[in-house]
Amino acid sequence: MILDEAPACDRHESMVPMRLRTMHSDSSRPDVVDGLYECPECGHERRAPIRTGEAETAA
Protein backbone atom coordinates (compact mmCIF):
# COMPACT_ATOMS: atom_id res chain seq x y z
CA MET A 1 0.00 0.00 0.00
CA ILE A 2 1.22 3.48 -0.81
CA LEU A 3 0.36 6.09 1.83
CA ASP A 4 -0.04 9.67 0.65
CA GLU A 5 1.04 12.51 2.90
CA ALA A 6 -1.44 13.28 5.63
CA PRO A 7 -3.75 16.22 4.95
CA ALA A 8 -3.35 19.42 6.94
CA CYS A 9 -6.08 20.51 9.33
CA ASP A 10 -8.01 23.38 7.77
CA ARG A 11 -8.99 24.82 11.17
CA HIS A 12 -5.54 26.34 11.81
CA GLU A 13 -3.73 29.25 10.17
CA SER A 14 -0.41 27.41 10.31
CA MET A 15 -0.04 23.99 8.71
CA VAL A 16 -0.85 21.26 11.25
CA PRO A 17 -0.54 17.76 9.73
CA MET A 18 -3.29 15.37 10.75
CA ARG A 19 -2.57 11.86 12.06
CA LEU A 20 -3.99 8.71 10.53
CA ARG A 21 -6.27 7.00 13.07
CA THR A 22 -7.95 4.20 11.12
CA MET A 23 -8.31 2.87 7.59
CA HIS A 24 -11.53 1.49 6.10
CA SER A 25 -12.09 -0.44 2.88
CA ASP A 26 -15.10 0.06 0.62
CA SER A 27 -16.34 -2.93 -1.41
CA SER A 28 -17.71 -0.61 -4.11
CA ARG A 29 -14.21 0.92 -4.61
CA PRO A 30 -11.65 -1.88 -4.13
CA ASP A 31 -8.73 0.31 -5.27
CA VAL A 32 -9.36 2.94 -2.58
CA VAL A 33 -9.03 2.75 1.20
CA ASP A 34 -10.56 5.58 3.23
CA GLY A 35 -8.36 6.96 5.98
CA LEU A 36 -9.79 8.68 9.04
CA TYR A 37 -7.41 11.45 10.10
CA GLU A 38 -7.43 13.42 13.37
CA CYS A 39 -5.79 16.74 14.20
CA PRO A 40 -3.46 16.35 17.21
CA GLU A 41 -4.15 19.94 18.34
CA CYS A 42 -7.94 20.34 18.11
CA GLY A 43 -9.30 16.81 17.58
CA HIS A 44 -11.00 17.65 14.25
CA GLU A 45 -11.56 14.49 12.17
CA ARG A 46 -11.54 14.18 8.39
CA ARG A 47 -11.81 11.31 5.92
CA ALA A 48 -9.55 11.16 2.89
CA PRO A 49 -8.98 8.41 0.32
CA ILE A 50 -5.69 6.51 0.28
CA ARG A 51 -4.72 4.83 -2.99
CA THR A 52 -3.54 1.23 -2.86
CA GLY A 53 -0.66 -0.22 -4.88
CA GLU A 54 -3.08 -1.93 -7.30
CA ALA A 55 -4.43 1.45 -8.40
CA GLU A 56 -0.91 2.72 -9.07
CA THR A 57 0.03 -0.21 -11.29
CA ALA A 58 -3.26 -0.08 -13.22
CA ALA A 59 -2.83 3.60 -14.08
C-alpha atoms as a PDB file:
ATOM      1  CA  MET A   1       0.000   0.000   0.000  1.00  0.00           C
ATOM      2  CA  ILE A   2       1.219   3.480  -0.810  1.00  0.00           C
ATOM      3  CA  LEU A   3       0.363   6.090   1.830  1.00  0.00           C
ATOM      4  CA  ASP A   4      -0.040   9.667   0.654  1.00  0.00           C
ATOM      5  CA  GLU A   5       1.035  12.515   2.896  1.00  0.00           C
ATOM      6  CA  ALA A   6      -1.438  13.277   5.635  1.00  0.00           C
ATOM      7  CA  PRO A   7      -3.747  16.216   4.950  1.00  0.00           C
ATOM      8  CA  ALA A   8      -3.348  19.425   6.937  1.00  0.00           C
ATOM      9  CA  CYS A   9      -6.081  20.512   9.330  1.00  0.00           C
ATOM     10  CA  ASP A  10      -8.013  23.379   7.768  1.00  0.00           C
ATOM     11  CA  ARG A  11      -8.990  24.820  11.165  1.00  0.00           C
ATOM     12  CA  HIS A  12      -5.537  26.336  11.810  1.00  0.00           C
ATOM     13  CA  GLU A  13      -3.733  29.250  10.165  1.00  0.00           C
ATOM     14  CA  SER A  14      -0.414  27.407  10.314  1.00  0.00           C
ATOM     15  CA  MET A  15      -0.043  23.991   8.707  1.00  0.00           C
ATOM     16  CA  VAL A  16      -0.847  21.262  11.247  1.00  0.00           C
ATOM     17  CA  PRO A  17      -0.540  17.764   9.728  1.00  0.00           C
ATOM     18  CA  MET A  18      -3.287  15.375  10.753  1.00  0.00           C
ATOM     19  CA  ARG A  19      -2.571  11.858  12.060  1.00  0.00           C
ATOM     20  CA  LEU A  20      -3.994   8.713  10.529  1.00  0.00           C
ATOM     21  CA  ARG A  21      -6.273   7.000  13.074  1.00  0.00           C
ATOM     22  CA  THR A  22      -7.947   4.201  11.118  1.00  0.00           C
ATOM     23  CA  MET A  23      -8.312   2.868   7.591  1.00  0.00           C
ATOM     24  CA  HIS A  24     -11.532   1.494   6.104  1.00  0.00           C
ATOM     25  CA  SER A  25     -12.094  -0.444   2.885  1.00  0.00           C
ATOM     26  CA  ASP A  26     -15.101   0.062   0.617  1.00  0.00           C
ATOM     27  CA  SER A  27     -16.335  -2.932  -1.408  1.00  0.00           C
ATOM     28  CA  SER A  28     -17.709  -0.609  -4.111  1.00  0.00           C
ATOM     29  CA  ARG A  29     -14.214   0.916  -4.612  1.00  0.00           C
ATOM     30  CA  PRO A  30     -11.646  -1.885  -4.126  1.00  0.00           C
ATOM     31  CA  ASP A  31      -8.731   0.310  -5.275  1.00  0.00           C
ATOM     32  CA  VAL A  32      -9.358   2.940  -2.577  1.00  0.00           C
ATOM     33  CA  VAL A  33      -9.027   2.753   1.199  1.00  0.00           C
ATOM     34  CA  ASP A  34     -10.561   5.582   3.234  1.00  0.00           C
ATOM     35  CA  GLY A  35      -8.362   6.964   5.980  1.00  0.00           C
ATOM     36  CA  LEU A  36      -9.787   8.679   9.037  1.00  0.00           C
ATOM     37  CA  TYR A  37      -7.411  11.453  10.101  1.00  0.00           C
ATOM     38  CA  GLU A  38      -7.433  13.421  13.367  1.00  0.00           C
ATOM     39  CA  CYS A  39      -5.795  16.744  14.196  1.00  0.00           C
ATOM     40  CA  PRO A  40      -3.464  16.352  17.206  1.00  0.00           C
ATOM     41  CA  GLU A  41      -4.152  19.939  18.340  1.00  0.00           C
ATOM     42  CA  CYS A  42      -7.940  20.343  18.106  1.00  0.00           C
ATOM     43  CA  GLY A  43      -9.296  16.807  17.578  1.00  0.00           C
ATOM     44  CA  HIS A  44     -10.996  17.645  14.251  1.00  0.00           C
ATOM     45  CA  GLU A  45     -11.565  14.488  12.173  1.00  0.00           C
ATOM     46  CA  ARG A  46     -11.540  14.185   8.390  1.00  0.00           C
ATOM     47  CA  ARG A  47     -11.813  11.315   5.917  1.00  0.00           C
ATOM     48  CA  ALA A  48      -9.553  11.162   2.887  1.00  0.00           C
ATOM     49  CA  PRO A  49      -8.978   8.414   0.319  1.00  0.00           C
ATOM     50  CA  ILE A  50      -5.693   6.508   0.278  1.00  0.00           C
ATOM     51  CA  ARG A  51      -4.715   4.825  -2.990  1.00  0.00           C
ATOM     52  CA  THR A  52      -3.538   1.226  -2.860  1.00  0.00           C
ATOM     53  CA  GLY A  53      -0.658  -0.223  -4.880  1.00  0.00           C
ATOM     54  CA  GLU A  54      -3.080  -1.933  -7.301  1.00  0.00           C
ATOM     55  CA  ALA A  55      -4.426   1.452  -8.403  1.00  0.00           C
ATOM     56  CA  GLU A  56      -0.910   2.721  -9.069  1.00  0.00           C
ATOM     57  CA  THR A  57       0.026  -0.214 -11.293  1.00  0.00           C
ATOM     58  CA  ALA A  58      -3.260  -0.080 -13.221  1.00  0.00           C
ATOM     59  CA  ALA A  59      -2.833   3.604 -14.077  1.00  0.00           C
END
